[in-house]
Each structure stands twice: as structure tokens, then as C-alpha cells.
Amino acid sequence: MADTGHDRFKALLMGYIDGELGSSEQKELEEHLAKCPDCSRELEEFRRLKDMTDKMRFREPQDEVWERYWRGIYNRLERGVGWILCSIGAILLLAFGAFKLVESLLTDPTVTLLVKIGVSALFLGLVILVVSLVRERIFGLKSDRYSREVKR
């Protein structure tokens, strides 16, 4: 059966190295270390490990590596598809919400005829503007011969 007091001191070793112990815990651990060669040896191993890890540094990739990454077709395709799916989802949810709002207003007998006509005109106008904008973008992509030559 393991000595739970001994296990408690082993659990405090990294906190001791990092200076995270309170003064009473630190004093108690130091007294234990003076009597326990096993914990003292483990403390020295932890110190060597900490020294090694403190000397390690993360090396940033060079700019050429990032350039190559962002030029990759997979990454451009991945981002493009992600934005397209998010846009389609947002448009569908907004359109559904707008449709349900208009439907509830048009079928509600307490809403006046003037409000019903106004909401219908607003909704129809927005639909026409969106269709016009999409049509304009499609036409612009077909006729813009320079857009394929622009580098980002």
C-alpha cells in the first residue's frame, strides 16, 4: 500500500520548481526532501526536464512556406466552399424567416390592409433587388476579362 503522505509530496514537486507553493507547503516539502532521497532524486529530474523545455523555442515557418500553403488549390477551394456554404445557409434562413413573417402578417386578421400592402411591397422589392444584384454579378464575371489576371 502506497504512503499517501509521500504521494502528496511527489505531487507538489512541479509546483515547488515553478514557485507556486505557499510558504507553509514549501517549508513542509523542503523538510520532506531533506529526509527522502527518492523525492530529492525526482526533484532533480524534474529540474533537468524543466531546464531542457525552457531552452526549447517554437520555430516560425518561413514566409515562402506560408506563400506555398496559401497558393495551394486545396486551401483556396476549402475557403471558397466554406464561405459559399455559410452564405447559402444564411440566405436560406433569412429568406425563410422573412417569408414566415410576411405570411403571418398577411394571414393575421388584426393587421390592417395598409400594413399588409406595405410589407408585401417591401418583401417583393427586396426580392427584385437581390435578383438584380445576382444577375449583375453574373454578367460582370462573364464580361470582365481582367479579373482572371489579377493576383492577390
Protein backbone atom coordinates (compact mmCIF):
# COMPACT_ATOMS: atom_id res chain seq x y z
CA MET A 1 0.00 0.00 0.00
CA ALA A 2 1.45 3.39 -1.03
CA ASP A 3 2.18 6.07 1.51
CA THR A 4 -0.39 8.81 0.80
CA GLY A 5 1.80 11.45 2.54
CA HIS A 6 4.71 10.55 0.27
CA ASP A 7 2.43 10.72 -2.80
CA ARG A 8 1.23 14.15 -1.71
CA PHE A 9 4.82 15.43 -1.62
CA LYS A 10 5.53 13.97 -5.07
CA ALA A 11 2.50 15.83 -6.39
CA LEU A 12 3.94 19.12 -5.06
CA LEU A 13 7.33 18.85 -6.78
CA MET A 14 6.46 20.71 -10.02
CA GLY A 15 4.68 23.42 -8.05
CA TYR A 16 7.84 23.79 -5.97
CA ILE A 17 10.02 24.14 -9.06
CA ASP A 18 7.64 26.71 -10.56
CA GLY A 19 7.43 28.69 -7.29
CA GLU A 20 3.70 28.10 -6.95
CA LEU A 21 3.62 26.73 -3.37
CA GLY A 22 2.60 28.68 -0.33
CA SER A 23 5.25 29.25 2.35
CA SER A 24 3.92 26.54 4.68
CA GLU A 25 3.71 23.94 1.89
CA GLN A 26 7.17 24.91 0.65
CA LYS A 27 8.69 24.54 4.13
CA GLU A 28 6.94 21.20 4.67
CA LEU A 29 8.16 19.89 1.29
CA GLU A 30 11.73 21.07 1.94
CA GLU A 31 11.72 19.19 5.26
CA HIS A 32 10.48 16.08 3.48
CA LEU A 33 13.13 16.43 0.74
CA ALA A 34 15.87 16.57 3.38
CA LYS A 35 14.77 13.12 4.61
CA CYS A 36 13.63 11.47 1.34
CA PRO A 37 16.30 10.66 -1.28
CA ASP A 38 13.63 9.29 -3.63
CA CYS A 39 11.75 12.61 -3.82
CA SER A 40 15.04 14.55 -3.97
CA ARG A 41 16.13 12.49 -6.98
CA GLU A 42 12.76 13.02 -8.67
CA LEU A 43 13.01 16.77 -7.98
CA GLU A 44 16.39 16.89 -9.73
CA GLU A 45 14.96 15.00 -12.72
CA PHE A 46 12.10 17.50 -12.92
CA ARG A 47 14.58 20.39 -12.75
CA ARG A 48 16.64 18.95 -15.63
CA LEU A 49 13.46 18.43 -17.65
CA LYS A 50 12.31 21.99 -16.94
CA ASP A 51 15.72 23.36 -17.96
CA MET A 52 15.52 21.48 -21.27
CA THR A 53 11.97 22.58 -22.03
CA ASP A 54 12.76 26.20 -21.10
CA LYS A 55 15.50 26.20 -23.76
CA MET A 56 13.17 24.93 -26.48
CA ARG A 57 11.71 27.51 -28.85
CA PHE A 58 9.00 27.23 -31.47
CA ARG A 59 10.33 27.95 -34.92
CA GLU A 60 8.02 30.01 -37.14
CA PRO A 61 7.66 28.79 -40.72
CA GLN A 62 9.39 30.97 -43.29
CA ASP A 63 7.33 33.29 -45.48
CA GLU A 64 7.86 31.05 -48.51
CA VAL A 65 6.22 28.16 -46.70
CA TRP A 66 3.13 30.26 -45.95
CA GLU A 67 3.04 31.54 -49.55
CA ARG A 68 3.14 27.98 -50.88
CA TYR A 69 0.41 26.96 -48.43
CA TRP A 70 -1.96 29.77 -49.42
CA ARG A 71 -1.34 29.25 -53.12
CA GLY A 72 -2.38 25.63 -52.88
CA ILE A 73 -5.61 24.87 -54.72
CA TYR A 74 -6.95 22.81 -51.85
CA ASN A 75 -6.73 25.70 -49.39
CA ARG A 76 -8.33 28.19 -51.77
CA LEU A 77 -11.05 25.71 -52.63
CA GLU A 78 -11.65 24.87 -48.98
CA ARG A 79 -12.08 28.53 -48.01
CA GLY A 80 -14.24 29.29 -51.04
CA VAL A 81 -16.56 26.36 -50.43
CA GLY A 82 -16.79 27.24 -46.74
CA TRP A 83 -17.83 30.82 -47.47
CA ILE A 84 -20.27 29.74 -50.16
CA LEU A 85 -21.98 27.22 -47.85
CA CYS A 86 -22.18 29.73 -44.99
CA SER A 87 -23.63 32.35 -47.35
CA ILE A 88 -26.19 29.96 -48.80
CA GLY A 89 -27.24 28.84 -45.32
CA ALA A 90 -27.59 32.43 -44.09
CA ILE A 91 -29.56 33.46 -47.18
CA LEU A 92 -31.91 30.48 -46.90
CA LEU A 93 -32.55 31.09 -43.20
CA LEU A 94 -33.14 34.81 -43.71
CA ALA A 95 -35.44 34.17 -46.67
CA PHE A 96 -37.40 31.57 -44.72
CA GLY A 97 -37.72 33.91 -41.75
CA ALA A 98 -38.84 36.78 -43.98
CA PHE A 99 -41.34 34.54 -45.75
CA LYS A 100 -42.79 33.34 -42.43
CA LEU A 101 -43.01 36.93 -41.17
CA VAL A 102 -44.82 38.10 -44.29
CA GLU A 103 -47.07 35.03 -44.24
CA SER A 104 -48.03 35.61 -40.60
CA LEU A 105 -48.73 39.29 -41.23
CA LEU A 106 -50.81 38.59 -44.34
CA THR A 107 -52.92 35.90 -42.66
CA ASP A 108 -53.40 37.83 -39.40
CA PRO A 109 -56.91 39.36 -39.44
CA THR A 110 -55.92 42.03 -36.89
CA VAL A 111 -53.31 43.60 -39.21
CA THR A 112 -54.69 46.41 -41.37
CA LEU A 113 -54.75 46.21 -45.16
CA LEU A 114 -52.31 49.13 -45.45
CA VAL A 115 -49.65 47.29 -43.38
CA LYS A 116 -50.21 44.11 -45.42
CA ILE A 117 -49.68 46.00 -48.70
CA GLY A 118 -46.62 47.80 -47.29
CA VAL A 119 -44.96 44.58 -46.08
CA SER A 120 -45.75 42.81 -49.36
CA ALA A 121 -44.27 45.70 -51.38
CA LEU A 122 -41.14 45.75 -49.21
CA PHE A 123 -40.64 41.99 -49.50
CA LEU A 124 -41.22 42.00 -53.27
CA GLY A 125 -38.85 44.95 -53.70
CA LEU A 126 -36.09 43.18 -51.76
CA VAL A 127 -36.52 40.05 -53.86
CA ILE A 128 -36.27 42.08 -57.08
CA LEU A 129 -33.15 43.90 -55.82
CA VAL A 130 -31.43 40.63 -54.86
CA VAL A 131 -32.25 39.05 -58.24
CA SER A 132 -30.97 42.18 -60.00
CA LEU A 133 -27.73 42.14 -58.00
CA VAL A 134 -27.10 38.45 -58.70
CA ARG A 135 -27.81 38.96 -62.40
CA GLU A 136 -25.41 41.93 -62.50
CA ARG A 137 -22.63 39.94 -60.80
CA ILE A 138 -23.04 37.02 -63.20
CA PHE A 139 -22.92 39.37 -66.18
CA GLY A 140 -19.85 41.11 -64.74
CA LEU A 141 -17.99 37.84 -64.26
CA LYS A 142 -18.70 36.76 -67.82
CA SER A 143 -17.55 40.02 -69.41
CA ASP A 144 -14.65 41.04 -67.11
CA ARG A 145 -11.62 39.76 -68.99
CA TYR A 146 -9.14 41.19 -66.45
CA SER A 147 -10.47 39.51 -63.30
CA ARG A 148 -8.64 36.26 -64.05
CA GLU A 149 -5.30 38.04 -64.37
CA VAL A 150 -5.37 39.90 -61.04
CA LYS A 151 -3.11 38.40 -58.41
CA ARG A 152 -3.99 38.67 -54.76
